[in-house]
Amino acid sequence: IPMVHWPEPMVTLDTTNGVLFSADAFGSFKALDG
């Protein structure tokens, strides 16, 4: 996924269960705190 938001990122999809490791896409500021 070039330029989201650096030239080098990729995403990794687990096709077995549909989990997408989406790099900086769909992220947010703020700590999770549990």
Full PDB file with SEQRES, HELIX, SHEET, SSBOND, CRYST1, ORIGX, SCALE, CONECT and MASTER records, all heavy atoms in Angstrom:
SEQRES   1 A   34  ILE PRO MET VAL HIS TRP PRO GLU PRO MET VAL THR LEU          
SEQRES   2 A   34  ASP THR THR ASN GLY VAL LEU PHE SER ALA ASP ALA PHE          
SEQRES   3 A   34  GLY SER PHE LYS ALA LEU ASP GLY                              
SHEET    1 AA1 2 THR A  12  ASP A  14  0                                        
SHEET    2 AA1 2 VAL A  19  PHE A  21 -1                                        
CRYST1    1.000    1.000    1.000  90.00  90.00  90.00 P 1           1          
ORIGX1      1.000000  0.000000  0.000000        0.00000                         
ORIGX2      0.000000  1.000000  0.000000        0.00000                         
ORIGX3      0.000000  0.000000  1.000000        0.00000                         
SCALE1      1.000000  0.000000  0.000000        0.00000                         
SCALE2      0.000000  1.000000  0.000000        0.00000                         
SCALE3      0.000000  0.000000  1.000000        0.00000                         
ATOM      1  N   ILE A   1       0.850  -1.192   0.000  1.00  0.00           N  
ATOM      2  CA  ILE A   1       0.000   0.000   0.000  1.00  0.00           C  
ATOM      3  C   ILE A   1       0.893   1.252   0.000  1.00  0.00           C  
ATOM      4  O   ILE A   1       0.942   2.003   0.967  1.00  0.00           O  
ATOM      5  CB  ILE A   1      -0.981   0.020   1.190  1.00  0.00           C  
ATOM      6  CG1 ILE A   1      -0.236  -0.134   2.538  1.00  0.00           C  
ATOM      7  CG2 ILE A   1      -2.029  -1.065   1.052  1.00  0.00           C  
ATOM      8  CD1 ILE A   1      -1.126   0.162   3.743  1.00  0.00           C  
ATOM      9  N   PRO A   2       1.602   1.496  -1.100  1.00  0.00           N  
ATOM     10  CA  PRO A   2       2.535   2.629  -1.137  1.00  0.00           C  
ATOM     11  C   PRO A   2       1.846   3.961  -0.894  1.00  0.00           C  
ATOM     12  O   PRO A   2       0.711   4.178  -1.320  1.00  0.00           O  
ATOM     13  CB  PRO A   2       3.119   2.560  -2.555  1.00  0.00           C  
ATOM     14  CG  PRO A   2       2.129   1.762  -3.343  1.00  0.00           C  
ATOM     15  CD  PRO A   2       1.539   0.783  -2.380  1.00  0.00           C  
ATOM     16  N   MET A   3       2.531   4.819  -0.149  1.00  0.00           N  
ATOM     17  CA  MET A   3       2.079   6.167   0.186  1.00  0.00           C  
ATOM     18  C   MET A   3       0.847   6.193   1.077  1.00  0.00           C  
ATOM     19  O   MET A   3       0.077   7.157   1.054  1.00  0.00           O  
ATOM     20  CB  MET A   3       1.868   7.018  -1.063  1.00  0.00           C  
ATOM     21  CG  MET A   3       3.120   7.200  -1.899  1.00  0.00           C  
ATOM     22  SD  MET A   3       4.650   7.483  -0.932  1.00  0.00           S  
ATOM     23  CE  MET A   3       4.256   8.971   0.010  1.00  0.00           C  
ATOM     24  N   VAL A   4       0.674   5.160   1.862  1.00  0.00           N  
ATOM     25  CA  VAL A   4      -0.318   5.189   2.939  1.00  0.00           C  
ATOM     26  C   VAL A   4       0.413   4.857   4.251  1.00  0.00           C  
ATOM     27  O   VAL A   4       0.275   3.797   4.793  1.00  0.00           O  
ATOM     28  CB  VAL A   4      -1.469   4.188   2.709  1.00  0.00           C  
ATOM     29  CG1 VAL A   4      -2.531   4.322   3.802  1.00  0.00           C  
ATOM     30  CG2 VAL A   4      -2.089   4.343   1.343  1.00  0.00           C  
ATOM     31  N   HIS A   5       1.195   5.739   4.706  1.00  0.00           N  
ATOM     32  CA  HIS A   5       1.480   7.087   4.222  1.00  0.00           C  
ATOM     33  C   HIS A   5       2.967   7.252   3.899  1.00  0.00           C  
ATOM     34  O   HIS A   5       3.432   8.360   3.668  1.00  0.00           O  
ATOM     35  CB  HIS A   5       1.061   8.126   5.274  1.00  0.00           C  
ATOM     36  CG  HIS A   5       1.729   7.893   6.596  1.00  0.00           C  
ATOM     37  ND1 HIS A   5       2.531   8.845   7.196  1.00  0.00           N  
ATOM     38  CD2 HIS A   5       1.779   6.816   7.404  1.00  0.00           C  
ATOM     39  CE1 HIS A   5       2.988   8.371   8.327  1.00  0.00           C  
ATOM     40  NE2 HIS A   5       2.553   7.145   8.475  1.00  0.00           N  
ATOM     41  N   TRP A   6       3.736   6.163   3.926  1.00  0.00           N  
ATOM     42  CA  TRP A   6       5.125   6.118   3.476  1.00  0.00           C  
ATOM     43  C   TRP A   6       5.180   5.283   2.201  1.00  0.00           C  
ATOM     44  O   TRP A   6       4.185   4.616   1.845  1.00  0.00           O  
ATOM     45  CB  TRP A   6       6.004   5.492   4.565  1.00  0.00           C  
ATOM     46  CG  TRP A   6       6.448   6.443   5.643  1.00  0.00           C  
ATOM     47  CD1 TRP A   6       5.843   7.598   6.029  1.00  0.00           C  
ATOM     48  CD2 TRP A   6       7.605   6.301   6.469  1.00  0.00           C  
ATOM     49  NE1 TRP A   6       6.549   8.182   7.051  1.00  0.00           N  
ATOM     50  CE2 TRP A   6       7.642   7.414   7.347  1.00  0.00           C  
ATOM     51  CE3 TRP A   6       8.621   5.352   6.568  1.00  0.00           C  
ATOM     52  CZ2 TRP A   6       8.655   7.594   8.290  1.00  0.00           C  
ATOM     53  CZ3 TRP A   6       9.623   5.524   7.522  1.00  0.00           C  
ATOM     54  CH2 TRP A   6       9.644   6.645   8.368  1.00  0.00           C  
ATOM     55  N   PRO A   7       6.309   5.261   1.511  1.00  0.00           N  
ATOM     56  CA  PRO A   7       6.367   4.500   0.251  1.00  0.00           C  
ATOM     57  C   PRO A   7       6.364   2.987   0.412  1.00  0.00           C  
ATOM     58  O   PRO A   7       6.031   2.268  -0.524  1.00  0.00           O  
ATOM     59  CB  PRO A   7       7.698   4.956  -0.375  1.00  0.00           C  
ATOM     60  CG  PRO A   7       8.055   6.229   0.306  1.00  0.00           C  
ATOM     61  CD  PRO A   7       7.504   6.109   1.696  1.00  0.00           C  
ATOM     62  N   GLU A   8       6.738   2.489   1.625  1.00  0.00           N  
ATOM     63  CA  GLU A   8       7.049   1.062   1.751  1.00  0.00           C  
ATOM     64  C   GLU A   8       5.979   0.183   2.387  1.00  0.00           C  
ATOM     65  O   GLU A   8       6.127  -1.048   2.397  1.00  0.00           O  
ATOM     66  CB  GLU A   8       8.352   0.917   2.549  1.00  0.00           C  
ATOM     67  CG  GLU A   8       8.222   0.652   4.040  1.00  0.00           C  
ATOM     68  CD  GLU A   8       7.501   1.707   4.874  1.00  0.00           C  
ATOM     69  OE1 GLU A   8       7.215   2.815   4.360  1.00  0.00           O  
ATOM     70  OE2 GLU A   8       7.200   1.432   6.035  1.00  0.00           O  
ATOM     71  N   PRO A   9       4.876   0.697   2.966  1.00  0.00           N  
ATOM     72  CA  PRO A   9       4.019  -0.187   3.769  1.00  0.00           C  
ATOM     73  C   PRO A   9       3.324  -1.273   2.959  1.00  0.00           C  
ATOM     74  O   PRO A   9       3.130  -1.161   1.744  1.00  0.00           O  
ATOM     75  CB  PRO A   9       2.976   0.765   4.370  1.00  0.00           C  
ATOM     76  CG  PRO A   9       3.555   2.128   4.251  1.00  0.00           C  
ATOM     77  CD  PRO A   9       4.407   2.084   3.029  1.00  0.00           C  
ATOM     78  N   MET A  10       2.933  -2.297   3.670  1.00  0.00           N  
ATOM     79  CA  MET A  10       2.064  -3.326   3.126  1.00  0.00           C  
ATOM     80  C   MET A  10       1.034  -3.656   4.193  1.00  0.00           C  
ATOM     81  O   MET A  10       1.165  -3.257   5.356  1.00  0.00           O  
ATOM     82  CB  MET A  10       2.859  -4.577   2.758  1.00  0.00           C  
ATOM     83  CG  MET A  10       3.473  -5.311   3.935  1.00  0.00           C  
ATOM     84  SD  MET A  10       4.388  -6.788   3.430  1.00  0.00           S  
ATOM     85  CE  MET A  10       4.832  -7.490   5.029  1.00  0.00           C  
ATOM     86  N   VAL A  11       0.002  -4.353   3.795  1.00  0.00           N  
ATOM     87  CA  VAL A  11      -0.928  -4.950   4.747  1.00  0.00           C  
ATOM     88  C   VAL A  11      -0.853  -6.454   4.579  1.00  0.00           C  
ATOM     89  O   VAL A  11      -0.488  -6.964   3.517  1.00  0.00           O  
ATOM     90  CB  VAL A  11      -2.374  -4.449   4.543  1.00  0.00           C  
ATOM     91  CG1 VAL A  11      -2.478  -2.960   4.830  1.00  0.00           C  
ATOM     92  CG2 VAL A  11      -2.881  -4.754   3.132  1.00  0.00           C  
ATOM     93  N   THR A  12      -1.188  -7.151   5.660  1.00  0.00           N  
ATOM     94  CA  THR A  12      -1.140  -8.612   5.655  1.00  0.00           C  
ATOM     95  C   THR A  12      -2.518  -9.152   5.998  1.00  0.00           C  
ATOM     96  O   THR A  12      -3.071  -8.808   7.052  1.00  0.00           O  
ATOM     97  CB  THR A  12      -0.112  -9.120   6.683  1.00  0.00           C  
ATOM     98  OG1 THR A  12       1.172  -8.562   6.385  1.00  0.00           O  
ATOM     99  CG2 THR A  12      -0.025 -10.639   6.648  1.00  0.00           C  
ATOM    100  N   LEU A  13      -3.074  -9.959   5.124  1.00  0.00           N  
ATOM    101  CA  LEU A  13      -4.413 -10.526   5.319  1.00  0.00           C  
ATOM    102  C   LEU A  13      -4.317 -12.001   5.675  1.00  0.00           C  
ATOM    103  O   LEU A  13      -3.706 -12.785   4.946  1.00  0.00           O  
ATOM    104  CB  LEU A  13      -5.263 -10.359   4.055  1.00  0.00           C  
ATOM    105  CG  LEU A  13      -6.661 -10.993   4.116  1.00  0.00           C  
ATOM    106  CD1 LEU A  13      -7.537 -10.298   5.143  1.00  0.00           C  
ATOM    107  CD2 LEU A  13      -7.328 -10.981   2.740  1.00  0.00           C  
ATOM    108  N   ASP A  14      -4.885 -12.349   6.807  1.00  0.00           N  
ATOM    109  CA  ASP A  14      -5.037 -13.754   7.174  1.00  0.00           C  
ATOM    110  C   ASP A  14      -6.294 -14.254   6.471  1.00  0.00           C  
ATOM    111  O   ASP A  14      -7.423 -13.979   6.891  1.00  0.00           O  
ATOM    112  CB  ASP A  14      -5.172 -13.887   8.692  1.00  0.00           C  
ATOM    113  CG  ASP A  14      -5.172 -15.337   9.157  1.00  0.00           C  
ATOM    114  OD1 ASP A  14      -5.496 -16.221   8.346  1.00  0.00           O  
ATOM    115  OD2 ASP A  14      -4.867 -15.576  10.338  1.00  0.00           O  
ATOM    116  N   THR A  15      -6.109 -14.961   5.375  1.00  0.00           N  
ATOM    117  CA  THR A  15      -7.257 -15.418   4.578  1.00  0.00           C  
ATOM    118  C   THR A  15      -8.025 -16.532   5.271  1.00  0.00           C  
ATOM    119  O   THR A  15      -9.129 -16.874   4.844  1.00  0.00           O  
ATOM    120  CB  THR A  15      -6.789 -15.890   3.190  1.00  0.00           C  
ATOM    121  OG1 THR A  15      -5.841 -16.955   3.340  1.00  0.00           O  
ATOM    122  CG2 THR A  15      -6.133 -14.741   2.418  1.00  0.00           C  
ATOM    123  N   THR A  16      -7.463 -17.080   6.346  1.00  0.00           N  
ATOM    124  CA  THR A  16      -8.151 -18.136   7.083  1.00  0.00           C  
ATOM    125  C   THR A  16      -9.293 -17.581   7.928  1.00  0.00           C  
ATOM    126  O   THR A  16     -10.369 -18.172   8.011  1.00  0.00           O  
ATOM    127  CB  THR A  16      -7.161 -18.891   7.986  1.00  0.00           C  
ATOM    128  OG1 THR A  16      -6.075 -19.374   7.195  1.00  0.00           O  
ATOM    129  CG2 THR A  16      -7.845 -20.060   8.680  1.00  0.00           C  
ATOM    130  N   ASN A  17      -9.056 -16.439   8.583  1.00  0.00           N  
ATOM    131  CA  ASN A  17     -10.082 -15.890   9.477  1.00  0.00           C  
ATOM    132  C   ASN A  17     -10.477 -14.445   9.159  1.00  0.00           C  
ATOM    133  O   ASN A  17     -11.280 -13.855   9.882  1.00  0.00           O  
ATOM    134  CB  ASN A  17      -9.635 -15.996  10.936  1.00  0.00           C  
ATOM    135  CG  ASN A  17      -8.328 -15.247  11.196  1.00  0.00           C  
ATOM    136  OD1 ASN A  17      -7.875 -14.455  10.379  1.00  0.00           O  
ATOM    137  ND2 ASN A  17      -7.717 -15.515  12.345  1.00  0.00           N  
ATOM    138  N   GLY A  18      -9.890 -13.853   8.111  1.00  0.00           N  
ATOM    139  CA  GLY A  18     -10.293 -12.516   7.701  1.00  0.00           C  
ATOM    140  C   GLY A  18      -9.672 -11.388   8.492  1.00  0.00           C  
ATOM    141  O   GLY A  18     -10.133 -10.238   8.405  1.00  0.00           O  
ATOM    142  N   VAL A  19      -8.620 -11.655   9.269  1.00  0.00           N  
ATOM    143  CA  VAL A  19      -7.932 -10.602  10.012  1.00  0.00           C  
ATOM    144  C   VAL A  19      -6.996  -9.852   9.067  1.00  0.00           C  
ATOM    145  O   VAL A  19      -6.169 -10.459   8.385  1.00  0.00           O  
ATOM    146  CB  VAL A  19      -7.129 -11.178  11.190  1.00  0.00           C  
ATOM    147  CG1 VAL A  19      -6.253 -10.090  11.816  1.00  0.00           C  
ATOM    148  CG2 VAL A  19      -8.065 -11.769  12.229  1.00  0.00           C  
ATOM    149  N   LEU A  20      -7.138  -8.534   9.029  1.00  0.00           N  
ATOM    150  CA  LEU A  20      -6.252  -7.702   8.231  1.00  0.00           C  
ATOM    151  C   LEU A  20      -5.361  -6.892   9.155  1.00  0.00           C  
ATOM    152  O   LEU A  20      -5.841  -6.080   9.952  1.00  0.00           O  
ATOM    153  CB  LEU A  20      -7.046  -6.748   7.329  1.00  0.00           C  
ATOM    154  CG  LEU A  20      -6.181  -5.846   6.433  1.00  0.00           C  
ATOM    155  CD1 LEU A  20      -5.541  -6.670   5.314  1.00  0.00           C  
ATOM    156  CD2 LEU A  20      -6.993  -4.693   5.859  1.00  0.00           C  
ATOM    157  N   PHE A  21      -4.054  -7.104   9.057  1.00  0.00           N  
ATOM    158  CA  PHE A  21      -3.083  -6.271   9.757  1.00  0.00           C  
ATOM    159  C   PHE A  21      -2.831  -5.071   8.851  1.00  0.00           C  
ATOM    160  O   PHE A  21      -2.141  -5.184   7.828  1.00  0.00           O  
ATOM    161  CB  PHE A  21      -1.811  -7.064  10.040  1.00  0.00           C  
ATOM    162  CG  PHE A  21      -2.060  -8.292  10.890  1.00  0.00           C  
ATOM    163  CD1 PHE A  21      -2.280  -9.539  10.304  1.00  0.00           C  
ATOM    164  CD2 PHE A  21      -2.108  -8.185  12.273  1.00  0.00           C  
ATOM    165  CE1 PHE A  21      -2.518 -10.659  11.082  1.00  0.00           C  
ATOM    166  CE2 PHE A  21      -2.342  -9.299  13.067  1.00  0.00           C  
ATOM    167  CZ  PHE A  21      -2.559 -10.542  12.466  1.00  0.00           C  
ATOM    168  N   SER A  22      -3.414  -3.927   9.237  1.00  0.00           N  
ATOM    169  CA  SER A  22      -3.624  -2.830   8.280  1.00  0.00           C  
ATOM    170  C   SER A  22      -2.604  -1.711   8.363  1.00  0.00           C  
ATOM    171  O   SER A  22      -2.828  -0.626   7.811  1.00  0.00           O  
ATOM    172  CB  SER A  22      -5.030  -2.254   8.480  1.00  0.00           C  
ATOM    173  OG  SER A  22      -5.195  -1.722   9.781  1.00  0.00           O  
ATOM    174  N   ALA A  23      -1.456  -1.948   9.045  1.00  0.00           N  
ATOM    175  CA  ALA A  23      -0.419  -0.918   9.179  1.00  0.00           C  
ATOM    176  C   ALA A  23      -1.033   0.340   9.791  1.00  0.00           C  
ATOM    177  O   ALA A  23      -1.816   0.255  10.725  1.00  0.00           O  
ATOM    178  CB  ALA A  23       0.261  -0.666   7.833  1.00  0.00           C  
ATOM    179  N   ASP A  24      -0.703   1.527   9.255  1.00  0.00           N  
ATOM    180  CA  ASP A  24      -1.214   2.756   9.843  1.00  0.00           C  
ATOM    181  C   ASP A  24      -2.638   3.092   9.404  1.00  0.00           C  
ATOM    182  O   ASP A  24      -3.227   4.056   9.895  1.00  0.00           O  
ATOM    183  CB  ASP A  24      -0.289   3.935   9.497  1.00  0.00           C  
ATOM    184  CG  ASP A  24       0.761   4.171  10.577  1.00  0.00           C  
ATOM    185  OD1 ASP A  24       0.612   3.610  11.676  1.00  0.00           O  
ATOM    186  OD2 ASP A  24       1.724   4.921  10.327  1.00  0.00           O  
ATOM    187  N   ALA A  25      -3.182   2.340   8.455  1.00  0.00           N  
ATOM    188  CA  ALA A  25      -4.575   2.564   8.048  1.00  0.00           C  
ATOM    189  C   ALA A  25      -5.518   2.180   9.190  1.00  0.00           C  
ATOM    190  O   ALA A  25      -5.274   1.203   9.907  1.00  0.00           O  
ATOM    191  CB  ALA A  25      -4.898   1.758   6.800  1.00  0.00           C  
ATOM    192  N   PHE A  26      -6.571   2.964   9.355  1.00  0.00           N  
ATOM    193  CA  PHE A  26      -7.633   2.746  10.360  1.00  0.00           C  
ATOM    194  C   PHE A  26      -7.126   2.931  11.794  1.00  0.00           C  
ATOM    195  O   PHE A  26      -7.719   2.426  12.735  1.00  0.00           O  
ATOM    196  CB  PHE A  26      -8.283   1.371  10.180  1.00  0.00           C  
ATOM    197  CG  PHE A  26      -8.685   1.088   8.769  1.00  0.00           C  
ATOM    198  CD1 PHE A  26      -8.043   0.114   8.024  1.00  0.00           C  
ATOM    199  CD2 PHE A  26      -9.687   1.832   8.169  1.00  0.00           C  
ATOM    200  CE1 PHE A  26      -8.395  -0.125   6.701  1.00  0.00           C  
ATOM    201  CE2 PHE A  26     -10.050   1.598   6.851  1.00  0.00           C  
ATOM    202  CZ  PHE A  26      -9.401   0.615   6.106  1.00  0.00           C  
ATOM    203  N   GLY A  27      -6.035   3.683  11.940  1.00  0.00           N  
ATOM    204  CA  GLY A  27      -5.490   3.939  13.254  1.00  0.00           C  
ATOM    205  C   GLY A  27      -6.094   5.164  13.908  1.00  0.00           C  
ATOM    206  O   GLY A  27      -6.949   5.855  13.346  1.00  0.00           O  
ATOM    207  N   SER A  28      -5.624   5.449  15.123  1.00  0.00           N  
ATOM    208  CA  SER A  28      -6.160   6.574  15.884  1.00  0.00           C  
ATOM    209  C   SER A  28      -5.176   6.978  16.966  1.00  0.00           C  
ATOM    210  O   SER A  28      -4.422   6.147  17.481  1.00  0.00           O  
ATOM    211  CB  SER A  28      -7.501   6.196  16.537  1.00  0.00           C  
ATOM    212  OG  SER A  28      -7.993   7.253  17.333  1.00  0.00           O  
ATOM    213  N   PHE A  29      -5.177   8.268  17.298  1.00  0.00           N  
ATOM    214  CA  PHE A  29      -4.559   8.694  18.545  1.00  0.00           C  
ATOM    215  C   PHE A  29      -5.401   8.147  19.704  1.00  0.00           C  
ATOM    216  O   PHE A  29      -6.519   7.718  19.523  1.00  0.00           O  
ATOM    217  CB  PHE A  29      -4.526  10.222  18.633  1.00  0.00           C  
ATOM    218  CG  PHE A  29      -3.616  10.885  17.629  1.00  0.00           C  
ATOM    219  CD1 PHE A  29      -4.022  12.029  16.961  1.00  0.00           C  
ATOM    220  CD2 PHE A  29      -2.354  10.383  17.363  1.00  0.00           C  
ATOM    221  CE1 PHE A  29      -3.189  12.656  16.046  1.00  0.00           C  
ATOM    222  CE2 PHE A  29      -1.519  11.008  16.457  1.00  0.00           C  
ATOM    223  CZ  PHE A  29      -1.933  12.147  15.795  1.00  0.00           C  
ATOM    224  N   LYS A  30      -4.859   8.189  20.896  1.00  0.00           N  
ATOM    225  CA  LYS A  30      -5.500   7.824  22.150  1.00  0.00           C  
ATOM    226  C   LYS A  30      -5.096   6.400  22.564  1.00  0.00           C  
ATOM    227  O   LYS A  30      -5.119   5.475  21.763  1.00  0.00           O  
ATOM    228  CB  LYS A  30      -7.031   7.926  22.083  1.00  0.00           C  
ATOM    229  CG  LYS A  30      -7.722   7.820  23.431  1.00  0.00           C  
ATOM    230  CD  LYS A  30      -9.201   8.189  23.310  1.00  0.00           C  
ATOM    231  CE  LYS A  30      -9.918   8.020  24.617  1.00  0.00           C  
ATOM    232  NZ  LYS A  30     -11.324   8.421  24.559  1.00  0.00           N  
ATOM    233  N   ALA A  31      -4.729   6.271  23.832  1.00  0.00           N  
ATOM    234  CA  ALA A  31      -4.344   4.965  24.371  1.00  0.00           C  
ATOM    235  C   ALA A  31      -5.568   4.087  24.574  1.00  0.00           C  
ATOM    236  O   ALA A  31      -6.667   4.566  24.847  1.00  0.00           O  
ATOM    237  CB  ALA A  31      -3.595   5.146  25.694  1.00  0.00           C  
ATOM    238  N   LEU A  32      -5.359   2.784  24.450  1.00  0.00           N  
ATOM    239  CA  LEU A  32      -6.462   1.827  24.589  1.00  0.00           C  
ATOM    240  C   LEU A  32      -6.872   1.626  26.040  1.00  0.00           C  
ATOM    241  O   LEU A  32      -8.060   1.486  26.349  1.00  0.00           O  
ATOM    242  CB  LEU A  32      -6.056   0.481  23.979  1.00  0.00           C  
ATOM    243  CG  LEU A  32      -5.809   0.494  22.467  1.00  0.00           C  
ATOM    244  CD1 LEU A  32      -5.160  -0.811  22.040  1.00  0.00           C  
ATOM    245  CD2 LEU A  32      -7.110   0.717  21.724  1.00  0.00           C  
ATOM    246  N   ASP A  33      -5.892   1.556  26.933  1.00  0.00           N  
ATOM    247  CA  ASP A  33      -6.159   1.418  28.363  1.00  0.00           C  
ATOM    248  C   ASP A  33      -7.156   0.306  28.672  1.00  0.00           C  
ATOM    249  O   ASP A  33      -8.154   0.489  29.370  1.00  0.00           O  
ATOM    250  CB  ASP A  33      -6.648   2.744  28.948  1.00  0.00           C  
ATOM    251  CG  ASP A  33      -5.599   3.839  28.849  1.00  0.00           C  
ATOM    252  OD1 ASP A  33      -4.413   3.507  28.719  1.00  0.00           O  
ATOM    253  OD2 ASP A  33      -5.978   5.023  28.904  1.00  0.00           O  
ATOM    254  N   GLY A  34      -6.874  -0.860  28.118  1.00  0.00           N  
ATOM    255  CA  GLY A  34      -7.694  -2.039  28.407  1.00  0.00           C  
ATOM    256  C   GLY A  34      -8.840  -2.273  27.456  1.00  0.00           C  
ATOM    257  O   GLY A  34      -9.344  -3.391  27.344  1.00  0.00           O  
TER     258      GLY A  34                                                      
MASTER        0    0    0    0    2    0    0    6  257    1    0    3          
END                                                                             
